[in-house]
Amino acid sequence: MNIKSELENSLKVLEEEYRFWMVETIKMGRGIETMEDELAQHDDDLGLARAADLRRRLASIREKHEMLEEKILAVRHRLEELRERLEQMG
């Protein structure tokens, strides 16, 4: 396999990974929003201790969401690099 074919294959694999993580991050973001809405609506029903526990868990999920977004940016950067290299190869 020549270098251009290897780059094209790497680009394809990376694009698939990028799409997967984008979907996962979107789903996670929507889940976070839903949890926040539920907490806001049922804060009193849950009680202070349970609401505080859920908010701590939600904070942890937000951190993971942010890490995924950072990974997505890194993958996007790598995709751009690969596309530029392929364009230079003509």
N, C-alpha and C. Protein backbone atom coordinates (compact mmCIF):
# COMPACT_ATOMS: atom_id res chain seq x y z
N MET A 1 0.85 -1.17 0.00
CA MET A 1 0.00 0.00 0.00
C MET A 1 0.89 1.24 0.00
N ASN A 2 0.60 2.18 -0.89
CA ASN A 2 1.41 3.38 -0.94
C ASN A 2 0.98 4.37 0.14
N ILE A 3 1.76 5.42 0.27
CA ILE A 3 1.53 6.39 1.35
C ILE A 3 0.17 7.07 1.19
N LYS A 4 -0.19 7.42 -0.03
CA LYS A 4 -1.48 8.08 -0.24
C LYS A 4 -2.63 7.17 0.16
N SER A 5 -2.56 5.91 -0.20
CA SER A 5 -3.61 4.95 0.17
C SER A 5 -3.68 4.78 1.69
N GLU A 6 -2.53 4.75 2.32
CA GLU A 6 -2.50 4.64 3.78
C GLU A 6 -3.14 5.86 4.43
N LEU A 7 -2.83 7.05 3.90
CA LEU A 7 -3.43 8.28 4.42
C LEU A 7 -4.94 8.28 4.20
N GLU A 8 -5.38 7.86 3.03
CA GLU A 8 -6.81 7.81 2.76
C GLU A 8 -7.51 6.84 3.70
N ASN A 9 -6.88 5.70 3.95
CA ASN A 9 -7.45 4.72 4.87
C ASN A 9 -7.50 5.28 6.29
N SER A 10 -6.42 5.92 6.71
CA SER A 10 -6.38 6.53 8.04
C SER A 10 -7.45 7.61 8.17
N LEU A 11 -7.63 8.38 7.13
CA LEU A 11 -8.64 9.43 7.13
C LEU A 11 -10.04 8.83 7.28
N LYS A 12 -10.30 7.75 6.56
CA LYS A 12 -11.60 7.09 6.63
C LYS A 12 -11.87 6.58 8.05
N VAL A 13 -10.89 5.92 8.64
CA VAL A 13 -11.04 5.38 10.00
C VAL A 13 -11.26 6.51 10.99
N LEU A 14 -10.50 7.57 10.85
CA LEU A 14 -10.59 8.71 11.75
C LEU A 14 -11.94 9.42 11.60
N GLU A 15 -12.44 9.52 10.37
CA GLU A 15 -13.75 10.13 10.16
C GLU A 15 -14.84 9.32 10.83
N GLU A 16 -14.76 7.99 10.75
CA GLU A 16 -15.74 7.14 11.42
C GLU A 16 -15.68 7.32 12.94
N GLU A 17 -14.48 7.39 13.48
CA GLU A 17 -14.31 7.61 14.91
C GLU A 17 -14.88 8.97 15.31
N TYR A 18 -14.61 9.96 14.51
CA TYR A 18 -15.09 11.32 14.77
C TYR A 18 -16.63 11.34 14.81
N ARG A 19 -17.25 10.72 13.82
CA ARG A 19 -18.72 10.68 13.78
C ARG A 19 -19.28 9.96 15.00
N PHE A 20 -18.68 8.84 15.38
CA PHE A 20 -19.13 8.09 16.55
C PHE A 20 -19.09 8.95 17.80
N TRP A 21 -17.95 9.61 18.04
CA TRP A 21 -17.81 10.41 19.25
C TRP A 21 -18.68 11.66 19.22
N MET A 22 -18.91 12.21 18.05
CA MET A 22 -19.82 13.35 17.95
C MET A 22 -21.23 12.95 18.38
N VAL A 23 -21.71 11.82 17.89
CA VAL A 23 -23.04 11.33 18.26
C VAL A 23 -23.09 11.06 19.76
N GLU A 24 -22.08 10.40 20.29
CA GLU A 24 -22.05 10.10 21.72
C GLU A 24 -22.06 11.37 22.57
N THR A 25 -21.32 12.36 22.14
CA THR A 25 -21.25 13.62 22.88
C THR A 25 -22.58 14.36 22.82
N ILE A 26 -23.22 14.34 21.67
CA ILE A 26 -24.53 14.98 21.54
C ILE A 26 -25.54 14.29 22.44
N LYS A 27 -25.55 12.95 22.43
CA LYS A 27 -26.47 12.22 23.29
C LYS A 27 -26.20 12.52 24.76
N MET A 28 -24.93 12.55 25.12
CA MET A 28 -24.57 12.83 26.50
C MET A 28 -25.00 14.24 26.89
N GLY A 29 -24.80 15.20 26.02
CA GLY A 29 -25.21 16.57 26.28
C GLY A 29 -26.70 16.69 26.48
N ARG A 30 -27.45 15.98 25.67
CA ARG A 30 -28.91 15.98 25.83
C ARG A 30 -29.32 15.33 27.14
N GLY A 31 -28.63 14.27 27.50
CA GLY A 31 -28.91 13.61 28.78
C GLY A 31 -28.63 14.53 29.96
N ILE A 32 -27.56 15.27 29.86
CA ILE A 32 -27.22 16.23 30.92
C ILE A 32 -28.32 17.29 31.03
N GLU A 33 -28.76 17.80 29.89
CA GLU A 33 -29.82 18.81 29.90
C GLU A 33 -31.09 18.25 30.51
N THR A 34 -31.43 17.02 30.16
CA THR A 34 -32.63 16.38 30.70
C THR A 34 -32.52 16.23 32.21
N MET A 35 -31.35 15.77 32.66
CA MET A 35 -31.16 15.61 34.11
C MET A 35 -31.25 16.94 34.84
N GLU A 36 -30.68 17.99 34.26
CA GLU A 36 -30.75 19.31 34.88
C GLU A 36 -32.19 19.78 34.98
N ASP A 37 -32.96 19.57 33.90
CA ASP A 37 -34.37 19.96 33.91
C ASP A 37 -35.15 19.18 34.96
N GLU A 38 -34.90 17.87 35.02
CA GLU A 38 -35.59 17.04 36.00
C GLU A 38 -35.25 17.47 37.42
N LEU A 39 -33.99 17.75 37.65
CA LEU A 39 -33.58 18.21 38.98
C LEU A 39 -34.26 19.53 39.34
N ALA A 40 -34.31 20.43 38.38
CA ALA A 40 -34.92 21.73 38.63
C ALA A 40 -36.41 21.59 38.93
N GLN A 41 -37.07 20.67 38.24
CA GLN A 41 -38.51 20.49 38.41
C GLN A 41 -38.86 19.74 39.69
N HIS A 42 -37.99 18.82 40.10
CA HIS A 42 -38.32 17.93 41.21
C HIS A 42 -37.38 18.10 42.40
N ASP A 43 -36.70 19.22 42.45
CA ASP A 43 -35.74 19.47 43.52
C ASP A 43 -36.37 19.30 44.90
N ASP A 44 -37.52 19.88 45.10
CA ASP A 44 -38.18 19.79 46.40
C ASP A 44 -38.63 18.37 46.71
N ASP A 45 -39.13 17.66 45.71
CA ASP A 45 -39.61 16.29 45.90
C ASP A 45 -38.48 15.34 46.29
N LEU A 46 -37.30 15.59 45.77
CA LEU A 46 -36.17 14.70 46.01
C LEU A 46 -35.60 14.84 47.42
N GLY A 47 -35.71 15.99 47.98
CA GLY A 47 -35.08 16.25 49.27
C GLY A 47 -33.68 16.79 49.04
N LEU A 48 -33.19 17.49 50.02
CA LEU A 48 -31.89 18.15 49.88
C LEU A 48 -30.74 17.17 49.66
N ALA A 49 -30.70 16.09 50.44
CA ALA A 49 -29.58 15.14 50.34
C ALA A 49 -29.55 14.46 48.97
N ARG A 50 -30.69 13.99 48.52
CA ARG A 50 -30.76 13.29 47.23
C ARG A 50 -30.45 14.26 46.08
N ALA A 51 -31.01 15.46 46.14
CA ALA A 51 -30.74 16.45 45.09
C ALA A 51 -29.26 16.80 45.05
N ALA A 52 -28.63 16.96 46.21
CA ALA A 52 -27.20 17.27 46.26
C ALA A 52 -26.38 16.13 45.67
N ASP A 53 -26.76 14.89 45.99
CA ASP A 53 -26.06 13.72 45.45
C ASP A 53 -26.18 13.68 43.93
N LEU A 54 -27.36 13.92 43.43
CA LEU A 54 -27.57 13.91 41.97
C LEU A 54 -26.80 15.03 41.29
N ARG A 55 -26.71 16.18 41.93
CA ARG A 55 -25.95 17.30 41.36
C ARG A 55 -24.45 16.98 41.33
N ARG A 56 -23.96 16.29 42.34
CA ARG A 56 -22.54 15.86 42.33
C ARG A 56 -22.29 14.89 41.18
N ARG A 57 -23.19 13.95 41.03
CA ARG A 57 -23.05 12.99 39.93
C ARG A 57 -23.11 13.69 38.58
N LEU A 58 -24.00 14.63 38.49
CA LEU A 58 -24.15 15.38 37.25
C LEU A 58 -22.88 16.17 36.94
N ALA A 59 -22.25 16.71 37.96
CA ALA A 59 -20.99 17.44 37.77
C ALA A 59 -19.91 16.51 37.21
N SER A 60 -19.89 15.29 37.70
CA SER A 60 -18.93 14.30 37.20
C SER A 60 -19.21 13.96 35.74
N ILE A 61 -20.47 13.83 35.41
CA ILE A 61 -20.85 13.54 34.02
C ILE A 61 -20.47 14.71 33.11
N ARG A 62 -20.67 15.93 33.59
CA ARG A 62 -20.28 17.11 32.81
C ARG A 62 -18.78 17.10 32.52
N GLU A 63 -17.99 16.72 33.52
CA GLU A 63 -16.53 16.65 33.32
C GLU A 63 -16.18 15.65 32.24
N LYS A 64 -16.83 14.49 32.28
CA LYS A 64 -16.58 13.47 31.25
C LYS A 64 -17.01 13.99 29.88
N HIS A 65 -18.10 14.71 29.85
CA HIS A 65 -18.59 15.30 28.60
C HIS A 65 -17.56 16.28 28.04
N GLU A 66 -16.99 17.10 28.91
CA GLU A 66 -15.96 18.06 28.48
C GLU A 66 -14.72 17.34 27.97
N MET A 67 -14.33 16.24 28.61
CA MET A 67 -13.18 15.47 28.14
C MET A 67 -13.45 14.90 26.76
N LEU A 68 -14.67 14.40 26.54
CA LEU A 68 -15.02 13.89 25.22
C LEU A 68 -14.96 15.00 24.17
N GLU A 69 -15.44 16.16 24.52
CA GLU A 69 -15.38 17.28 23.58
C GLU A 69 -13.94 17.63 23.23
N GLU A 70 -13.05 17.57 24.22
CA GLU A 70 -11.63 17.83 23.95
C GLU A 70 -11.05 16.77 23.03
N LYS A 71 -11.42 15.50 23.24
CA LYS A 71 -10.94 14.43 22.36
C LYS A 71 -11.45 14.63 20.95
N ILE A 72 -12.69 15.08 20.83
CA ILE A 72 -13.27 15.32 19.51
C ILE A 72 -12.49 16.43 18.80
N LEU A 73 -12.14 17.46 19.53
CA LEU A 73 -11.34 18.54 18.92
C LEU A 73 -9.99 18.02 18.43
N ALA A 74 -9.38 17.13 19.21
CA ALA A 74 -8.10 16.56 18.82
C ALA A 74 -8.25 15.71 17.55
N VAL A 75 -9.33 14.94 17.49
CA VAL A 75 -9.58 14.11 16.30
C VAL A 75 -9.85 15.01 15.11
N ARG A 76 -10.63 16.08 15.31
CA ARG A 76 -10.91 17.02 14.22
C ARG A 76 -9.62 17.63 13.69
N HIS A 77 -8.73 18.00 14.61
CA HIS A 77 -7.44 18.57 14.21
C HIS A 77 -6.65 17.57 13.38
N ARG A 78 -6.64 16.34 13.83
CA ARG A 78 -5.92 15.29 13.10
C ARG A 78 -6.54 15.08 11.71
N LEU A 79 -7.87 15.12 11.63
CA LEU A 79 -8.54 15.00 10.34
C LEU A 79 -8.10 16.11 9.38
N GLU A 80 -8.06 17.31 9.89
CA GLU A 80 -7.64 18.44 9.06
C GLU A 80 -6.21 18.26 8.57
N GLU A 81 -5.34 17.77 9.46
CA GLU A 81 -3.95 17.52 9.06
C GLU A 81 -3.87 16.47 7.95
N LEU A 82 -4.62 15.40 8.11
CA LEU A 82 -4.60 14.34 7.09
C LEU A 82 -5.15 14.84 5.76
N ARG A 83 -6.23 15.61 5.82
CA ARG A 83 -6.80 16.15 4.57
C ARG A 83 -5.82 17.06 3.87
N GLU A 84 -5.10 17.89 4.63
CA GLU A 84 -4.09 18.78 4.04
C GLU A 84 -2.98 17.98 3.39
N ARG A 85 -2.52 16.93 4.06
CA ARG A 85 -1.46 16.10 3.49
C ARG A 85 -1.92 15.45 2.19
N LEU A 86 -3.17 14.96 2.19
CA LEU A 86 -3.69 14.33 0.98
C LEU A 86 -3.81 15.35 -0.15
N GLU A 87 -4.25 16.55 0.15
CA GLU A 87 -4.35 17.59 -0.88
C GLU A 87 -2.98 17.92 -1.46
N GLN A 88 -1.96 17.95 -0.60
CA GLN A 88 -0.61 18.25 -1.06
C GLN A 88 -0.09 17.15 -1.96
N MET A 89 -0.54 15.92 -1.72
CA MET A 89 -0.10 14.79 -2.55
C MET A 89 -0.78 14.80 -3.90
N GLY A 90 -1.91 15.50 -3.97
CA GLY A 90 -2.61 15.69 -5.24
C GLY A 90 -3.28 14.48 -5.70
